Amino acid sequence: MKKNALISLVSFQDDEDMLEVVTPGDFYKKEDLYIVEYDETKISGMEGTRTTLKIGNDNFTLLREGNTHANMNFQNGKECFSIYDTPYGVLQVKIKTKDLLVNVDDQGGEVLVNYNMVVSGNNQPDTKLKVNIRKLPN
């Protein structure tokens, strides 16, 4: 059953300021995965996009559908390839997960990801993403 949740996402790179977005969303368990769904806002620059996070014990998937399309998979020590389709163009993305820590249960929790991304052949600084999920009382 879907539950209301408050989702906080903090993203930062070594040489840049951090970006934090706090948004309401849905949180539930489906089979062996925790699912988080929320609508992107103008602050994220992806207004009109629905984001789904699929959280397993040792994997994390970020799916975006709408004005922006992406399917990004994170698993310790693994590389994944994705197409990031934005209103500004299509980018080929390679993601190497350096570290993934998952601490989520039925009440919410936290996901920490440290990864490197190569966008259309250009190496980007390491990125750290922190997702905090707090189930709200009904």
N, C-alpha and C. Protein backbone atom coordinates (compact mmCIF):
# COMPACT_ATOMS: atom_id res chain seq x y z
N MET A 1 0.83 -1.18 0.00
CA MET A 1 0.00 0.00 0.00
C MET A 1 0.88 1.25 0.00
N LYS A 2 0.56 2.20 -0.86
CA LYS A 2 1.33 3.44 -0.95
C LYS A 2 1.10 4.28 0.30
N LYS A 3 2.19 4.85 0.78
CA LYS A 3 2.14 5.72 1.94
C LYS A 3 2.72 7.08 1.55
N ASN A 4 2.21 8.13 2.14
CA ASN A 4 2.76 9.46 1.91
C ASN A 4 4.13 9.55 2.57
N ALA A 5 5.04 10.22 1.88
CA ALA A 5 6.40 10.36 2.40
C ALA A 5 6.96 11.72 2.03
N LEU A 6 7.94 12.15 2.78
CA LEU A 6 8.71 13.34 2.46
C LEU A 6 10.07 12.87 1.98
N ILE A 7 10.43 13.26 0.76
CA ILE A 7 11.65 12.81 0.12
C ILE A 7 12.63 13.98 0.05
N SER A 8 13.83 13.77 0.55
CA SER A 8 14.90 14.76 0.47
C SER A 8 16.01 14.18 -0.39
N LEU A 9 16.42 14.93 -1.40
CA LEU A 9 17.52 14.51 -2.27
C LEU A 9 18.59 15.59 -2.24
N VAL A 10 19.81 15.19 -1.91
CA VAL A 10 20.94 16.11 -1.89
C VAL A 10 21.98 15.55 -2.86
N SER A 11 22.39 16.38 -3.81
CA SER A 11 23.38 15.97 -4.79
C SER A 11 24.49 17.02 -4.82
N PHE A 12 25.74 16.53 -4.84
CA PHE A 12 26.84 17.48 -4.96
C PHE A 12 28.05 16.80 -5.58
N GLN A 13 28.86 17.62 -6.24
CA GLN A 13 30.11 17.17 -6.81
C GLN A 13 31.24 17.84 -6.03
N ASP A 14 32.44 17.29 -6.16
CA ASP A 14 33.57 17.77 -5.36
C ASP A 14 33.82 19.27 -5.51
N ASP A 15 33.61 19.80 -6.71
CA ASP A 15 33.97 21.19 -6.96
C ASP A 15 32.77 22.12 -7.13
N GLU A 16 31.59 21.68 -6.71
CA GLU A 16 30.39 22.50 -6.92
C GLU A 16 29.56 22.57 -5.65
N ASP A 17 28.64 23.53 -5.64
CA ASP A 17 27.69 23.64 -4.54
C ASP A 17 26.72 22.48 -4.58
N MET A 18 26.13 22.20 -3.43
CA MET A 18 25.16 21.12 -3.39
C MET A 18 23.79 21.61 -3.83
N LEU A 19 23.00 20.69 -4.35
CA LEU A 19 21.63 20.95 -4.74
C LEU A 19 20.76 20.08 -3.86
N GLU A 20 19.80 20.69 -3.17
CA GLU A 20 18.88 19.92 -2.33
C GLU A 20 17.45 20.17 -2.77
N VAL A 21 16.70 19.09 -2.90
CA VAL A 21 15.29 19.16 -3.24
C VAL A 21 14.54 18.36 -2.19
N VAL A 22 13.50 18.97 -1.62
CA VAL A 22 12.62 18.28 -0.68
C VAL A 22 11.23 18.30 -1.30
N THR A 23 10.61 17.12 -1.42
CA THR A 23 9.34 17.02 -2.13
C THR A 23 8.47 15.92 -1.52
N PRO A 24 7.17 16.08 -1.59
CA PRO A 24 6.30 14.99 -1.16
C PRO A 24 6.29 13.89 -2.21
N GLY A 25 6.03 12.67 -1.77
CA GLY A 25 5.97 11.56 -2.71
C GLY A 25 5.28 10.36 -2.09
N ASP A 26 5.35 9.26 -2.79
CA ASP A 26 4.77 8.00 -2.33
C ASP A 26 5.90 7.03 -2.01
N PHE A 27 5.66 6.16 -1.02
CA PHE A 27 6.64 5.19 -0.57
C PHE A 27 5.92 3.88 -0.29
N TYR A 28 6.43 2.79 -0.85
CA TYR A 28 5.81 1.49 -0.61
C TYR A 28 6.79 0.38 -0.94
N LYS A 29 6.41 -0.83 -0.54
CA LYS A 29 7.23 -2.00 -0.82
C LYS A 29 6.53 -2.85 -1.86
N LYS A 30 7.29 -3.31 -2.85
CA LYS A 30 6.78 -4.19 -3.90
C LYS A 30 7.76 -5.35 -4.03
N GLU A 31 7.31 -6.51 -3.65
CA GLU A 31 8.16 -7.70 -3.62
C GLU A 31 9.37 -7.41 -2.73
N ASP A 32 10.58 -7.50 -3.25
CA ASP A 32 11.76 -7.27 -2.41
C ASP A 32 12.37 -5.89 -2.60
N LEU A 33 11.63 -4.95 -3.19
CA LEU A 33 12.13 -3.60 -3.42
C LEU A 33 11.28 -2.57 -2.69
N TYR A 34 11.91 -1.51 -2.22
CA TYR A 34 11.18 -0.33 -1.76
C TYR A 34 11.09 0.62 -2.94
N ILE A 35 9.93 1.21 -3.12
CA ILE A 35 9.67 2.11 -4.25
C ILE A 35 9.35 3.49 -3.71
N VAL A 36 9.95 4.50 -4.32
CA VAL A 36 9.66 5.90 -4.02
C VAL A 36 9.27 6.54 -5.35
N GLU A 37 8.16 7.29 -5.34
CA GLU A 37 7.72 8.00 -6.55
C GLU A 37 7.42 9.45 -6.19
N TYR A 38 7.86 10.36 -7.05
CA TYR A 38 7.58 11.77 -6.83
C TYR A 38 7.65 12.52 -8.16
N ASP A 39 7.02 13.69 -8.18
CA ASP A 39 7.05 14.56 -9.36
C ASP A 39 8.17 15.56 -9.19
N GLU A 40 8.96 15.71 -10.26
CA GLU A 40 10.04 16.69 -10.25
C GLU A 40 9.45 18.10 -10.23
N THR A 41 10.21 19.04 -9.69
CA THR A 41 9.75 20.42 -9.57
C THR A 41 10.58 21.34 -10.46
N LYS A 42 10.18 22.57 -10.50
CA LYS A 42 10.91 23.57 -11.27
C LYS A 42 12.34 23.74 -10.76
N ILE A 43 12.53 23.57 -9.45
CA ILE A 43 13.86 23.71 -8.85
C ILE A 43 14.84 22.72 -9.45
N SER A 44 14.39 21.50 -9.72
CA SER A 44 15.28 20.48 -10.27
C SER A 44 15.54 20.69 -11.76
N GLY A 45 14.72 21.54 -12.40
CA GLY A 45 14.86 21.77 -13.83
C GLY A 45 14.20 20.68 -14.66
N MET A 46 13.44 19.81 -14.03
CA MET A 46 12.81 18.69 -14.74
C MET A 46 11.30 18.67 -14.51
N GLU A 47 10.71 19.83 -14.35
CA GLU A 47 9.27 19.90 -14.15
C GLU A 47 8.55 19.15 -15.27
N GLY A 48 7.51 18.39 -14.91
CA GLY A 48 6.81 17.58 -15.90
C GLY A 48 7.36 16.17 -16.01
N THR A 49 8.25 15.80 -15.08
CA THR A 49 8.87 14.48 -15.08
C THR A 49 8.50 13.76 -13.79
N ARG A 50 8.17 12.49 -13.90
CA ARG A 50 7.88 11.63 -12.74
C ARG A 50 9.12 10.77 -12.49
N THR A 51 9.62 10.78 -11.26
CA THR A 51 10.80 10.00 -10.90
C THR A 51 10.39 8.84 -10.01
N THR A 52 10.93 7.67 -10.30
CA THR A 52 10.72 6.47 -9.50
C THR A 52 12.08 5.95 -9.05
N LEU A 53 12.21 5.70 -7.77
CA LEU A 53 13.42 5.11 -7.20
C LEU A 53 13.08 3.69 -6.78
N LYS A 54 13.87 2.73 -7.23
CA LYS A 54 13.71 1.34 -6.83
C LYS A 54 14.92 0.98 -5.98
N ILE A 55 14.64 0.60 -4.74
CA ILE A 55 15.71 0.42 -3.76
C ILE A 55 15.74 -1.04 -3.29
N GLY A 56 16.85 -1.71 -3.55
CA GLY A 56 17.07 -3.07 -3.07
C GLY A 56 18.16 -3.06 -2.01
N ASN A 57 18.48 -4.21 -1.48
CA ASN A 57 19.53 -4.30 -0.45
C ASN A 57 20.89 -3.86 -0.98
N ASP A 58 21.17 -4.17 -2.26
CA ASP A 58 22.49 -3.86 -2.81
C ASP A 58 22.41 -3.22 -4.19
N ASN A 59 21.25 -2.62 -4.50
CA ASN A 59 21.10 -1.93 -5.79
C ASN A 59 20.09 -0.81 -5.66
N PHE A 60 20.23 0.14 -6.57
CA PHE A 60 19.41 1.35 -6.55
C PHE A 60 19.20 1.76 -8.00
N THR A 61 17.96 1.96 -8.40
CA THR A 61 17.65 2.37 -9.77
C THR A 61 16.85 3.66 -9.73
N LEU A 62 17.23 4.60 -10.59
CA LEU A 62 16.54 5.87 -10.73
C LEU A 62 15.94 5.91 -12.13
N LEU A 63 14.61 5.99 -12.19
CA LEU A 63 13.89 6.06 -13.47
C LEU A 63 13.20 7.41 -13.58
N ARG A 64 13.31 8.02 -14.73
CA ARG A 64 12.61 9.28 -14.99
C ARG A 64 11.78 9.13 -16.25
N GLU A 65 10.52 9.59 -16.18
CA GLU A 65 9.63 9.56 -17.34
C GLU A 65 8.88 10.87 -17.41
N GLY A 66 8.78 11.41 -18.60
CA GLY A 66 8.08 12.68 -18.80
C GLY A 66 8.91 13.54 -19.73
N ASN A 67 9.14 14.81 -19.33
CA ASN A 67 9.97 15.70 -20.15
C ASN A 67 11.41 15.20 -20.24
N THR A 68 11.84 14.44 -19.24
CA THR A 68 13.16 13.83 -19.22
C THR A 68 12.99 12.33 -19.04
N HIS A 69 13.75 11.54 -19.80
CA HIS A 69 13.71 10.08 -19.68
C HIS A 69 15.10 9.57 -19.32
N ALA A 70 15.16 8.69 -18.32
CA ALA A 70 16.43 8.09 -17.93
C ALA A 70 16.18 6.82 -17.16
N ASN A 71 17.16 5.92 -17.21
CA ASN A 71 17.14 4.69 -16.42
C ASN A 71 18.57 4.49 -15.95
N MET A 72 18.83 4.87 -14.70
CA MET A 72 20.18 4.82 -14.16
C MET A 72 20.23 3.77 -13.05
N ASN A 73 21.18 2.82 -13.18
CA ASN A 73 21.33 1.74 -12.21
C ASN A 73 22.63 1.90 -11.44
N PHE A 74 22.55 1.69 -10.14
CA PHE A 74 23.71 1.82 -9.26
C PHE A 74 23.88 0.52 -8.48
N GLN A 75 25.07 -0.04 -8.55
CA GLN A 75 25.42 -1.24 -7.80
C GLN A 75 26.92 -1.18 -7.54
N ASN A 76 27.33 -1.45 -6.30
CA ASN A 76 28.74 -1.31 -5.92
C ASN A 76 29.69 -1.93 -6.93
N GLY A 77 30.65 -1.12 -7.39
CA GLY A 77 31.70 -1.59 -8.28
C GLY A 77 31.26 -1.89 -9.70
N LYS A 78 30.03 -1.61 -10.05
CA LYS A 78 29.53 -1.94 -11.40
C LYS A 78 29.39 -0.69 -12.25
N GLU A 79 29.44 -0.90 -13.56
CA GLU A 79 29.18 0.17 -14.52
C GLU A 79 27.86 -0.10 -15.21
N CYS A 80 27.14 0.96 -15.51
CA CYS A 80 25.92 0.82 -16.30
C CYS A 80 25.92 1.91 -17.37
N PHE A 81 25.23 1.63 -18.43
CA PHE A 81 25.10 2.58 -19.54
C PHE A 81 23.64 2.98 -19.65
N SER A 82 23.42 4.25 -19.94
CA SER A 82 22.06 4.76 -20.03
C SER A 82 21.99 5.85 -21.08
N ILE A 83 20.81 6.04 -21.59
CA ILE A 83 20.52 7.18 -22.45
C ILE A 83 19.71 8.17 -21.61
N TYR A 84 20.17 9.40 -21.55
CA TYR A 84 19.50 10.45 -20.79
C TYR A 84 18.86 11.38 -21.82
N ASP A 85 17.57 11.29 -21.96
CA ASP A 85 16.83 12.04 -22.98
C ASP A 85 16.17 13.26 -22.33
N THR A 86 16.67 14.46 -22.67
CA THR A 86 16.17 15.70 -22.09
C THR A 86 15.56 16.57 -23.18
N PRO A 87 14.82 17.61 -22.80
CA PRO A 87 14.31 18.54 -23.81
C PRO A 87 15.42 19.25 -24.60
N TYR A 88 16.66 19.20 -24.07
CA TYR A 88 17.79 19.89 -24.71
C TYR A 88 18.62 18.97 -25.58
N GLY A 89 18.30 17.67 -25.56
CA GLY A 89 19.04 16.72 -26.37
C GLY A 89 19.22 15.39 -25.65
N VAL A 90 19.79 14.45 -26.38
CA VAL A 90 20.01 13.10 -25.86
C VAL A 90 21.48 12.94 -25.51
N LEU A 91 21.74 12.40 -24.32
CA LEU A 91 23.10 12.18 -23.86
C LEU A 91 23.32 10.70 -23.58
N GLN A 92 24.47 10.19 -23.98
CA GLN A 92 24.86 8.84 -23.62
C GLN A 92 25.65 8.94 -22.32
N VAL A 93 25.25 8.15 -21.32
CA VAL A 93 25.83 8.25 -19.99
C VAL A 93 26.37 6.90 -19.54
N LYS A 94 27.60 6.91 -19.01
CA LYS A 94 28.16 5.72 -18.38
C LYS A 94 28.34 6.06 -16.90
N ILE A 95 27.82 5.19 -16.04
CA ILE A 95 27.88 5.43 -14.60
C ILE A 95 28.67 4.31 -13.94
N LYS A 96 29.67 4.70 -13.14
CA LYS A 96 30.40 3.72 -12.35
C LYS A 96 30.14 4.01 -10.88
N THR A 97 29.50 3.06 -10.22
CA THR A 97 29.19 3.22 -8.80
C THR A 97 30.42 2.88 -7.98
N LYS A 98 30.88 3.85 -7.21
CA LYS A 98 32.04 3.64 -6.34
C LYS A 98 31.61 3.11 -4.98
N ASP A 99 30.47 3.61 -4.50
CA ASP A 99 30.00 3.18 -3.19
C ASP A 99 28.49 3.36 -3.12
N LEU A 100 27.80 2.35 -2.63
CA LEU A 100 26.35 2.40 -2.45
C LEU A 100 26.04 1.86 -1.06
N LEU A 101 25.36 2.67 -0.26
CA LEU A 101 24.93 2.27 1.07
C LEU A 101 23.42 2.42 1.14
N VAL A 102 22.73 1.34 1.49
CA VAL A 102 21.27 1.35 1.58
C VAL A 102 20.87 1.02 3.01
N ASN A 103 20.08 1.89 3.62
CA ASN A 103 19.55 1.66 4.96
C ASN A 103 18.08 2.08 4.94
N VAL A 104 17.22 1.22 4.39
CA VAL A 104 15.80 1.52 4.22
C VAL A 104 14.98 0.37 4.78
N ASP A 105 13.91 0.74 5.50
CA ASP A 105 12.97 -0.25 5.99
C ASP A 105 11.56 0.29 5.78
N ASP A 106 10.57 -0.32 6.39
CA ASP A 106 9.17 0.06 6.17
C ASP A 106 8.85 1.48 6.64
N GLN A 107 9.69 2.07 7.45
CA GLN A 107 9.45 3.43 7.95
C GLN A 107 10.14 4.50 7.10
N GLY A 108 11.00 4.08 6.18
CA GLY A 108 11.78 5.00 5.36
C GLY A 108 13.24 4.69 5.52
N GLY A 109 14.08 5.71 5.41
CA GLY A 109 15.51 5.49 5.58
C GLY A 109 16.33 6.33 4.63
N GLU A 110 17.51 5.80 4.29
CA GLU A 110 18.48 6.60 3.55
C GLU A 110 19.24 5.75 2.54
N VAL A 111 19.54 6.37 1.41
CA VAL A 111 20.40 5.77 0.39
C VAL A 111 21.52 6.77 0.11
N LEU A 112 22.76 6.29 0.13
CA LEU A 112 23.92 7.12 -0.20
C LEU A 112 24.63 6.49 -1.39
N VAL A 113 24.87 7.28 -2.43
CA VAL A 113 25.55 6.79 -3.62
C VAL A 113 26.69 7.73 -3.95
N ASN A 114 27.86 7.16 -4.19
CA ASN A 114 29.01 7.90 -4.67
C ASN A 114 29.34 7.29 -6.03
N TYR A 115 29.28 8.11 -7.10
CA TYR A 115 29.47 7.56 -8.43
C TYR A 115 30.20 8.53 -9.34
N ASN A 116 30.75 7.97 -10.40
CA ASN A 116 31.39 8.76 -11.44
C ASN A 116 30.58 8.59 -12.71
N MET A 117 30.42 9.67 -13.44
CA MET A 117 29.62 9.65 -14.64
C MET A 117 30.44 10.18 -15.82
N VAL A 118 30.35 9.49 -16.94
CA VAL A 118 30.94 9.95 -18.19
C VAL A 118 29.77 10.28 -19.11
N VAL A 119 29.68 11.55 -19.51
CA VAL A 119 28.57 12.02 -20.33
C VAL A 119 29.08 12.31 -21.73
N SER A 120 28.58 11.55 -22.71
CA SER A 120 28.99 11.71 -24.11
C SER A 120 30.51 11.76 -24.24
N GLY A 121 31.20 10.89 -23.50
CA GLY A 121 32.65 10.77 -23.59
C GLY A 121 33.42 11.71 -22.68
N ASN A 122 32.74 12.62 -21.98
CA ASN A 122 33.40 13.57 -21.10
C ASN A 122 33.26 13.14 -19.65
N ASN A 123 34.40 12.93 -18.98
CA ASN A 123 34.40 12.51 -17.59
C ASN A 123 33.95 13.66 -16.71
N GLN A 124 33.02 13.40 -15.79
CA GLN A 124 32.52 14.41 -14.86
C GLN A 124 33.13 14.16 -13.49
N PRO A 125 33.16 15.18 -12.63
CA PRO A 125 33.64 14.97 -11.26
C PRO A 125 32.75 13.94 -10.55
N ASP A 126 33.31 13.28 -9.54
CA ASP A 126 32.51 12.34 -8.75
C ASP A 126 31.28 13.06 -8.20
N THR A 127 30.18 12.34 -8.16
CA THR A 127 28.93 12.88 -7.64
C THR A 127 28.50 12.04 -6.44
N LYS A 128 27.99 12.72 -5.45
CA LYS A 128 27.43 12.06 -4.29
C LYS A 128 25.95 12.41 -4.23
N LEU A 129 25.13 11.39 -4.05
CA LEU A 129 23.69 11.56 -3.95
C LEU A 129 23.22 10.95 -2.64
N LYS A 130 22.48 11.73 -1.89
CA LYS A 130 21.90 11.25 -0.63
C LYS A 130 20.39 11.39 -0.74
N VAL A 131 19.69 10.27 -0.55
CA VAL A 131 18.23 10.25 -0.60
C VAL A 131 17.74 9.89 0.79
N ASN A 132 16.90 10.74 1.36
CA ASN A 132 16.31 10.47 2.67
C ASN A 132 14.80 10.34 2.48
N ILE A 133 14.24 9.26 3.01
CA ILE A 133 12.81 8.98 2.86
C ILE A 133 12.21 8.95 4.26
N ARG A 134 11.20 9.78 4.47
CA ARG A 134 10.54 9.78 5.78
C ARG A 134 9.06 9.55 5.57
N LYS A 135 8.57 8.40 6.03
CA LYS A 135 7.16 8.08 5.93
C LYS A 135 6.38 9.04 6.81
N LEU A 136 5.30 9.60 6.26
CA LEU A 136 4.47 10.53 7.02
C LEU A 136 3.28 9.79 7.62
N PRO A 137 2.79 10.26 8.77
CA PRO A 137 1.61 9.62 9.35
C PRO A 137 0.40 9.83 8.45
N ASN A 138 -0.47 8.84 8.36
CA ASN A 138 -1.67 8.96 7.50
C ASN A 138 -2.76 9.72 8.19
